[in-house]
């Protein structure tokens, strides 16, 4: 088990990580989700021992390892920018951590071939990295992490350079593989979609802070605050300022809808509601909605991204099918009140629909 206790790190007086406490269990998959510069890599470096915290403790299996360097820990790391030994073959690159650990030739051969087969690298075992594509080099680095049998495996956006098909396959396979080893698996990503596919637990990060940590689906469906909800939404969450009076919500522009059973129990007052783009529908299919002006529409295969304006507020809808709308068109976008996330004036969650599907 890996425990971070009130861990912070400052660099040149600038906060990189701020008061983070996390407990990660063995055989667990843990996703660090946040935009670029949110602190994901900085936090992983503290977990690994590449950096020491300015304050707080790092505990591994009950032992205080705060400040213990990475070479004295059983850690495997894979970055988006892959690192391989350029003069060694793919086979030797993958085998290198096992050779350092003194494993037998038969153990090495079995582990290398299994990892290479999984990552579709068997035909390339005799090549050197310079004779591989970028995706093949990244798969080599992933295979080396697989065979190391580390206690802690840190993957920093490791699939970003792979083609779509292999990315989807590995997203399904990686959690199963590392769970078998008993390792603690930490996976950093900027993509909410990837976090949902991987499952496990997710910590959402913003400006060096962990805003929420828990079961991935639960964090997505029931974000603790508006900041977490925005972190866990791509395309961006639509946020509207509204006021509840009696049985109705009203807001800027022409937002006006009945509270409905899901929201009827909320006290009167001002709120902010979050509507995910795929919960908006073009037309009056749902009881709540508003009129908006089209800024841009993008057809992407079987879906259409609709960018619109509600007064000065930018709106994004992701609707099924090919929808032909033009810049300047006036449209009605509707949603089910039961699907909205509701936050108070300070951004704290006051309602999240428990049945909300991913």
Protein backbone atom coordinates (compact mmCIF):
# COMPACT_ATOMS: atom_id res chain seq x y z
CA UNK A 1 0.00 0.00 0.00
CA UNK A 2 1.20 3.50 -0.90
CA UNK A 3 0.18 6.37 1.35
CA UNK A 4 0.73 10.06 0.72
CA UNK A 5 0.18 12.06 3.89
CA UNK A 6 -0.28 15.83 3.45
CA UNK A 7 2.40 15.89 0.75
CA UNK A 8 3.42 19.24 -0.73
CA UNK A 9 6.24 20.32 -3.00
CA UNK A 10 7.52 23.81 -3.75
CA UNK A 11 10.03 24.64 -6.47
CA UNK A 12 11.59 28.10 -6.33
CA UNK A 13 8.79 29.30 -4.09
CA UNK A 14 6.13 28.05 -6.53
CA UNK A 15 3.60 25.42 -5.41
CA UNK A 16 3.68 22.30 -7.59
CA UNK A 17 1.81 19.95 -5.23
CA UNK A 18 -0.39 21.22 -2.39
CA UNK A 19 -1.34 19.12 0.66
CA UNK A 20 -2.16 15.84 -1.11
CA UNK A 21 -3.28 12.81 0.91
CA UNK A 22 -4.00 9.55 -0.93
CA UNK A 23 -4.06 5.84 -0.06
CA UNK A 24 -3.46 3.44 -2.98
CA UNK A 25 -3.88 -0.29 -2.40
CA UNK A 26 -1.99 -3.16 -4.02
CA UNK A 27 -3.50 -4.68 -7.18
CA UNK A 28 -5.33 -1.39 -7.71
CA UNK A 29 -5.67 0.82 -10.77
CA UNK A 30 -5.51 4.53 -9.94
CA UNK A 31 -5.99 7.24 -12.55
CA UNK A 32 -4.64 10.77 -12.15
CA UNK A 33 -6.92 12.95 -14.26
CA UNK A 34 -6.32 16.61 -14.98
CA UNK A 35 -5.31 19.10 -17.66
CA UNK A 36 -1.71 19.86 -18.58
CA UNK A 37 0.17 21.49 -15.65
CA UNK A 38 -2.37 20.27 -13.09
CA UNK A 39 0.35 18.38 -11.17
CA UNK A 40 0.03 14.81 -12.45
CA UNK A 41 3.69 14.31 -13.36
CA UNK A 42 4.90 16.16 -10.25
CA UNK A 43 2.81 13.86 -8.07
CA UNK A 44 4.10 10.73 -9.81
CA UNK A 45 7.70 11.89 -9.33
CA UNK A 46 7.04 12.19 -5.59
CA UNK A 47 5.50 8.71 -5.53
CA UNK A 48 8.53 7.27 -7.32
CA UNK A 49 11.21 9.03 -5.29
CA UNK A 50 12.52 11.06 -8.20
CA UNK A 51 11.70 14.16 -6.14
CA UNK A 52 11.37 14.66 -2.38
CA UNK A 53 8.38 16.48 -0.89
CA UNK A 54 8.86 19.85 0.76
CA UNK A 55 6.53 18.63 3.51
CA UNK A 56 4.47 15.53 4.28
CA UNK A 57 5.26 11.81 4.18
CA UNK A 58 5.38 9.02 1.60
CA UNK A 59 4.69 5.58 3.14
CA UNK A 60 5.15 2.32 1.21
CA UNK A 61 3.87 -0.88 2.84
CA UNK A 62 4.09 0.76 6.25
CA UNK A 63 7.66 2.03 5.76
CA UNK A 64 8.45 5.74 5.58
CA UNK A 65 10.24 6.23 2.23
CA UNK A 66 10.05 10.03 2.19
CA UNK A 67 13.17 11.19 0.38
CA UNK A 68 14.36 7.64 -0.44
CA UNK A 69 15.66 7.86 -4.05
CA UNK A 70 14.03 5.93 -6.88
CA UNK A 71 17.03 3.58 -7.34
CA UNK A 72 16.32 2.16 -3.87
CA UNK A 73 12.68 1.45 -4.68
CA UNK A 74 11.06 -1.20 -6.88
CA UNK A 75 9.37 1.20 -9.28
CA UNK A 76 8.67 1.05 -13.03
CA UNK A 77 7.92 4.22 -15.00
CA UNK A 78 6.79 4.83 -18.57
CA UNK A 79 6.45 8.34 -19.97
CA UNK A 80 4.66 9.68 -23.02
CA UNK A 81 8.15 10.42 -24.34
CA UNK A 82 9.44 6.86 -24.38
CA UNK A 83 12.98 5.99 -23.25
CA UNK A 84 14.81 2.96 -24.67
CA UNK A 85 18.44 1.88 -24.93
CA UNK A 86 19.31 2.76 -28.55
CA UNK A 87 22.07 0.17 -29.03
CA UNK A 88 20.13 -2.80 -27.63
CA UNK A 89 17.60 -4.90 -29.52
CA UNK A 90 13.95 -4.78 -28.56
CA UNK A 91 14.41 -8.15 -26.83
CA UNK A 92 17.31 -6.85 -24.74
CA UNK A 93 15.51 -3.60 -23.96
CA UNK A 94 12.57 -5.53 -22.56
CA UNK A 95 14.80 -8.02 -20.75
CA UNK A 96 17.10 -5.41 -19.15
CA UNK A 97 15.34 -5.04 -15.75
CA UNK A 98 15.14 -8.82 -15.36
CA UNK A 99 18.85 -9.21 -16.15
CA UNK A 100 19.67 -6.57 -13.53
CA UNK A 101 17.54 -8.52 -11.06
CA UNK A 102 19.53 -11.70 -11.78
CA UNK A 103 16.64 -13.72 -13.25
CA UNK A 104 17.34 -16.96 -15.09
CA UNK A 105 17.51 -17.15 -18.88
CA UNK A 106 14.31 -19.20 -19.05
CA UNK A 107 12.41 -16.76 -16.82
CA UNK A 108 13.59 -13.83 -18.92
CA UNK A 109 12.72 -15.52 -22.20
CA UNK A 110 9.23 -16.46 -21.05
CA UNK A 111 8.46 -12.98 -19.68
CA UNK A 112 9.85 -11.14 -22.71
CA UNK A 113 7.91 -13.27 -25.18
CA UNK A 114 4.67 -12.88 -23.21
CA UNK A 115 5.02 -9.09 -23.03
CA UNK A 116 6.05 -8.83 -26.68
CA UNK A 117 3.10 -10.93 -27.78
CA UNK A 118 0.66 -8.82 -25.77
CA UNK A 119 2.04 -5.57 -27.21
CA UNK A 120 2.30 -6.94 -30.76
CA UNK A 121 6.09 -6.62 -30.79
CA UNK A 122 7.10 -10.24 -31.47
CA UNK A 123 8.12 -9.58 -35.12
CA UNK A 124 10.45 -6.78 -33.99
CA UNK A 125 12.41 -8.42 -31.16
CA UNK A 126 15.66 -8.43 -33.17
CA UNK A 127 15.45 -4.78 -34.21
CA UNK A 128 16.99 -1.80 -32.45
CA UNK A 129 14.79 1.18 -31.41
CA UNK A 130 16.08 3.39 -34.23
CA UNK A 131 14.50 0.95 -36.70
CA UNK A 132 11.06 1.21 -35.10
CA UNK A 133 8.17 3.62 -35.44
CA UNK A 134 7.33 5.91 -32.53
CA UNK A 135 4.44 3.68 -31.51
CA UNK A 136 6.63 0.58 -31.59
CA UNK A 137 9.24 2.30 -29.42
CA UNK A 138 6.55 3.20 -26.89
CA UNK A 139 5.32 -0.40 -26.84
CA UNK A 140 8.88 -1.52 -26.14
CA UNK A 141 9.02 0.77 -23.11
CA UNK A 142 5.65 -0.55 -21.92
CA UNK A 143 6.82 -4.14 -22.28
CA UNK A 144 9.91 -3.38 -20.18
CA UNK A 145 7.67 -2.04 -17.42
CA UNK A 146 5.53 -5.19 -17.64
CA UNK A 147 8.39 -7.61 -17.02
CA UNK A 148 9.98 -5.66 -14.15
CA UNK A 149 7.44 -6.97 -11.63
CA UNK A 150 7.57 -3.66 -9.77
CA UNK A 151 5.69 -2.77 -6.59
CA UNK A 152 4.66 0.55 -8.09
CA UNK A 153 4.02 1.11 -11.80
CA UNK A 154 3.70 4.73 -12.97
CA UNK A 155 2.44 5.44 -16.47
CA UNK A 156 2.47 9.09 -17.53
CA UNK A 157 0.15 9.37 -20.56
CA UNK A 158 1.77 6.24 -22.02
CA UNK A 159 -0.64 5.63 -24.89
CA UNK A 160 -0.64 9.11 -26.41
CA UNK A 161 1.70 8.14 -29.29
CA UNK A 162 -0.06 4.90 -30.24
CA UNK A 163 -2.60 4.39 -32.99
CA UNK A 164 -6.28 4.36 -32.04
CA UNK A 165 -6.88 0.61 -32.35
CA UNK A 166 -3.90 -0.39 -30.20
CA UNK A 167 -4.74 2.32 -27.66
CA UNK A 168 -8.23 0.89 -27.20
CA UNK A 169 -6.90 -2.67 -26.87
CA UNK A 170 -4.29 -1.70 -24.28
CA UNK A 171 -6.77 0.35 -22.26
CA UNK A 172 -8.73 -2.86 -21.77
CA UNK A 173 -5.74 -5.14 -21.15
CA UNK A 174 -3.39 -3.07 -18.97
CA UNK A 175 -5.52 -3.05 -15.80
CA UNK A 176 -5.88 -6.85 -15.95
CA UNK A 177 -2.17 -7.35 -16.50
CA UNK A 178 -0.98 -5.19 -13.63
CA UNK A 179 -3.68 -6.49 -11.27
CA UNK A 180 -2.18 -9.96 -11.67
CA UNK A 181 1.22 -8.71 -10.49
CA UNK A 182 -0.07 -7.23 -7.22
CA UNK A 183 1.46 -3.88 -8.17
CA UNK A 184 0.01 -0.47 -7.49
CA UNK A 185 -0.83 0.91 -10.91
CA UNK A 186 -0.96 4.72 -11.37
CA UNK A 187 -1.97 6.07 -14.77
CA UNK A 188 -1.93 9.77 -15.66
CA UNK A 189 -4.16 11.17 -18.39
CA UNK A 190 -5.74 14.41 -19.56
CA UNK A 191 -8.70 12.55 -21.09
CA UNK A 192 -11.90 11.92 -19.08
CA UNK A 193 -12.92 9.33 -21.67
CA UNK A 194 -9.73 7.37 -20.98
CA UNK A 195 -10.30 7.47 -17.21
CA UNK A 196 -13.80 6.05 -17.67
CA UNK A 197 -12.51 3.28 -19.95
CA UNK A 198 -9.79 2.29 -17.49
CA UNK A 199 -12.12 2.28 -14.47
CA UNK A 200 -10.56 1.65 -11.06
CA UNK A 201 -10.22 4.77 -8.92
CA UNK A 202 -9.63 8.32 -10.11
CA UNK A 203 -8.04 11.36 -8.48
CA UNK A 204 -8.95 14.62 -10.20
CA UNK A 205 -6.24 17.29 -10.07
CA UNK A 206 -6.26 21.04 -10.51
CA UNK A 207 -3.30 23.38 -9.94
CA UNK A 208 -1.45 20.89 -7.74
CA UNK A 209 -4.41 19.89 -5.61
CA UNK A 210 -6.42 16.67 -5.59
CA UNK A 211 -10.04 17.83 -5.75
CA UNK A 212 -11.60 14.36 -5.33
CA UNK A 213 -10.55 10.70 -5.13
CA UNK A 214 -12.73 7.62 -5.35
CA UNK A 215 -14.29 5.02 -7.61
CA UNK A 216 -13.95 6.39 -11.14
CA UNK A 217 -17.63 6.07 -12.06
CA UNK A 218 -18.71 7.62 -8.75
CA UNK A 219 -16.39 10.62 -9.17
CA UNK A 220 -17.76 11.15 -12.67
CA UNK A 221 -21.42 10.82 -11.68
CA UNK A 222 -21.21 12.60 -8.34
CA UNK A 223 -18.45 15.22 -8.46
CA UNK A 224 -17.87 16.92 -5.11
CA UNK A 225 -17.62 20.37 -6.66
CA UNK A 226 -17.80 22.33 -9.88
CA UNK A 227 -14.03 22.21 -10.38
CA UNK A 228 -14.06 18.39 -10.33
CA UNK A 229 -17.06 18.27 -12.67
CA UNK A 230 -15.25 20.51 -15.15
CA UNK A 231 -12.09 18.42 -14.91
CA UNK A 232 -14.13 15.29 -15.63
CA UNK A 233 -15.94 16.61 -18.71
CA UNK A 234 -14.78 16.63 -22.31
CA UNK A 235 -16.21 18.43 -24.26
CA UNK A 236 -16.39 21.16 -21.59
CA UNK A 237 -19.23 21.14 -19.09
CA UNK A 238 -21.99 23.65 -19.81
CA UNK A 239 -22.50 25.83 -16.72
CA UNK A 240 -25.52 28.10 -16.30
CA UNK A 241 -26.34 30.53 -13.50
CA UNK A 242 -29.92 30.00 -12.33
CA UNK A 243 -32.25 30.96 -9.52
CA UNK A 244 -34.82 28.65 -7.92
CA UNK A 245 -38.09 30.16 -6.79
CA UNK A 246 -40.76 27.72 -5.76
CA UNK A 247 -41.10 25.05 -8.40
CA UNK A 248 -39.16 26.79 -11.19
CA UNK A 249 -35.60 27.58 -12.20
CA UNK A 250 -34.90 30.72 -14.20
CA UNK A 251 -31.67 32.10 -15.58
CA UNK A 252 -29.94 34.45 -17.99
CA UNK A 253 -31.39 34.62 -21.45
CA UNK A 254 -34.54 32.54 -21.57
CA UNK A 255 -33.69 29.68 -19.20
CA UNK A 256 -36.94 28.75 -17.45
CA UNK A 257 -37.98 25.25 -16.41
CA UNK A 258 -39.84 23.30 -13.74
CA UNK A 259 -37.70 21.81 -10.99
CA UNK A 260 -39.17 18.33 -11.35
CA UNK A 261 -38.97 15.56 -8.71
CA UNK A 262 -35.16 15.35 -8.72
CA UNK A 263 -34.64 19.04 -7.84
CA UNK A 264 -37.89 19.94 -6.07
CA UNK A 265 -36.33 19.50 -2.61
CA UNK A 266 -33.68 22.19 -3.11
CA UNK A 267 -34.11 25.41 -1.14
CA UNK A 268 -34.93 28.58 -3.02
CA UNK A 269 -31.86 30.58 -4.00
CA UNK A 270 -29.11 30.99 -6.56
CA UNK A 271 -27.35 27.96 -8.03
CA UNK A 272 -25.09 26.96 -10.89
CA UNK A 273 -26.19 23.97 -12.96
CA UNK A 274 -23.89 21.79 -15.04
CA UNK A 275 -25.17 20.03 -18.16
CA UNK A 276 -22.82 17.66 -19.96
CA UNK A 277 -22.73 18.21 -23.75
CA UNK A 278 -24.10 14.76 -24.58
CA UNK A 279 -27.11 15.46 -22.34
CA UNK A 280 -28.26 18.32 -24.58
CA UNK A 281 -30.62 17.55 -27.46
CA UNK A 282 -31.38 19.69 -30.48
CA UNK A 283 -35.13 20.41 -30.32
CA UNK A 284 -37.75 20.11 -27.59
CA UNK A 285 -37.33 16.45 -26.70
CA UNK A 286 -36.85 17.23 -22.98
CA UNK A 287 -38.89 19.45 -20.64
CA UNK A 288 -36.05 21.88 -19.80
CA UNK A 289 -34.13 23.95 -22.30
CA UNK A 290 -33.25 27.29 -23.81
CA UNK A 291 -32.91 29.09 -27.13
CA UNK A 292 -29.38 29.70 -28.38
CA UNK A 293 -27.58 31.06 -31.43
CA UNK A 294 -25.35 28.74 -33.47
CA UNK A 295 -21.66 29.69 -33.64
CA UNK A 296 -20.34 26.56 -35.37
CA UNK A 297 -21.31 22.96 -36.07
CA UNK A 298 -18.92 20.08 -36.74
CA UNK A 299 -20.04 16.72 -38.10
CA UNK A 300 -17.79 13.87 -36.91
CA UNK A 301 -19.13 10.66 -38.40
CA UNK A 302 -22.27 9.68 -36.51
CA UNK A 303 -22.25 12.72 -34.17
CA UNK A 304 -22.45 16.48 -34.49
CA UNK A 305 -20.74 19.02 -32.22
CA UNK A 306 -22.88 22.13 -31.90
CA UNK A 307 -21.27 25.30 -30.56
CA UNK A 308 -23.74 28.01 -29.59
CA UNK A 309 -24.19 31.15 -27.53
CA UNK A 310 -26.72 31.74 -24.77
CA UNK A 311 -26.22 35.45 -24.25
CA UNK A 312 -22.50 35.68 -23.47
CA UNK A 313 -22.28 32.04 -22.33
CA UNK A 314 -20.64 29.52 -24.69
CA UNK A 315 -22.58 26.27 -25.04
CA UNK A 316 -21.42 22.93 -26.47
CA UNK A 317 -23.81 20.13 -27.41
CA UNK A 318 -22.84 16.68 -28.69
CA UNK A 319 -25.84 15.23 -30.49
CA UNK A 320 -26.34 11.96 -32.35
CA UNK A 321 -26.59 11.94 -36.11
CA UNK A 322 -25.73 14.46 -38.80
CA UNK A 323 -27.46 17.75 -37.97
CA UNK A 324 -27.24 20.56 -40.49
CA UNK A 325 -27.29 23.91 -38.72
CA UNK A 326 -25.59 27.09 -39.85
CA UNK A 327 -23.86 29.95 -38.07
CA UNK A 328 -26.45 32.45 -36.86
CA UNK A 329 -29.34 29.95 -36.75
CA UNK A 330 -31.60 30.19 -33.69
CA UNK A 331 -32.15 26.74 -32.16
CA UNK A 332 -33.67 25.21 -29.04
CA UNK A 333 -31.45 22.95 -26.91
CA UNK A 334 -33.23 20.81 -24.33
CA UNK A 335 -32.21 18.61 -21.39
CA UNK A 336 -33.79 16.49 -18.70
CA UNK A 337 -33.65 18.29 -15.31
CA UNK A 338 -32.95 14.93 -13.67
CA UNK A 339 -29.59 14.81 -15.51
CA UNK A 340 -28.13 18.10 -14.31
CA UNK A 341 -25.44 18.63 -11.70
CA UNK A 342 -26.27 21.42 -9.24
CA UNK A 343 -23.75 23.51 -7.33
CA UNK A 344 -24.08 26.30 -4.78
CA UNK A 345 -22.65 29.78 -5.26
CA UNK A 346 -19.25 28.60 -3.94
CA UNK A 347 -19.09 25.67 -6.37
CA UNK A 348 -19.90 22.91 -3.88
CA UNK A 349 -22.15 20.10 -5.14
CA UNK A 350 -25.68 20.09 -3.76
CA UNK A 351 -27.18 17.59 -6.16
CA UNK A 352 -25.96 14.96 -8.63
CA UNK A 353 -28.30 12.56 -10.38
CA UNK A 354 -27.39 9.07 -9.06
CA UNK A 355 -28.64 7.38 -12.21
CA UNK A 356 -26.61 9.56 -14.55
CA UNK A 357 -25.00 7.30 -17.15
CA UNK A 358 -21.49 7.81 -18.46
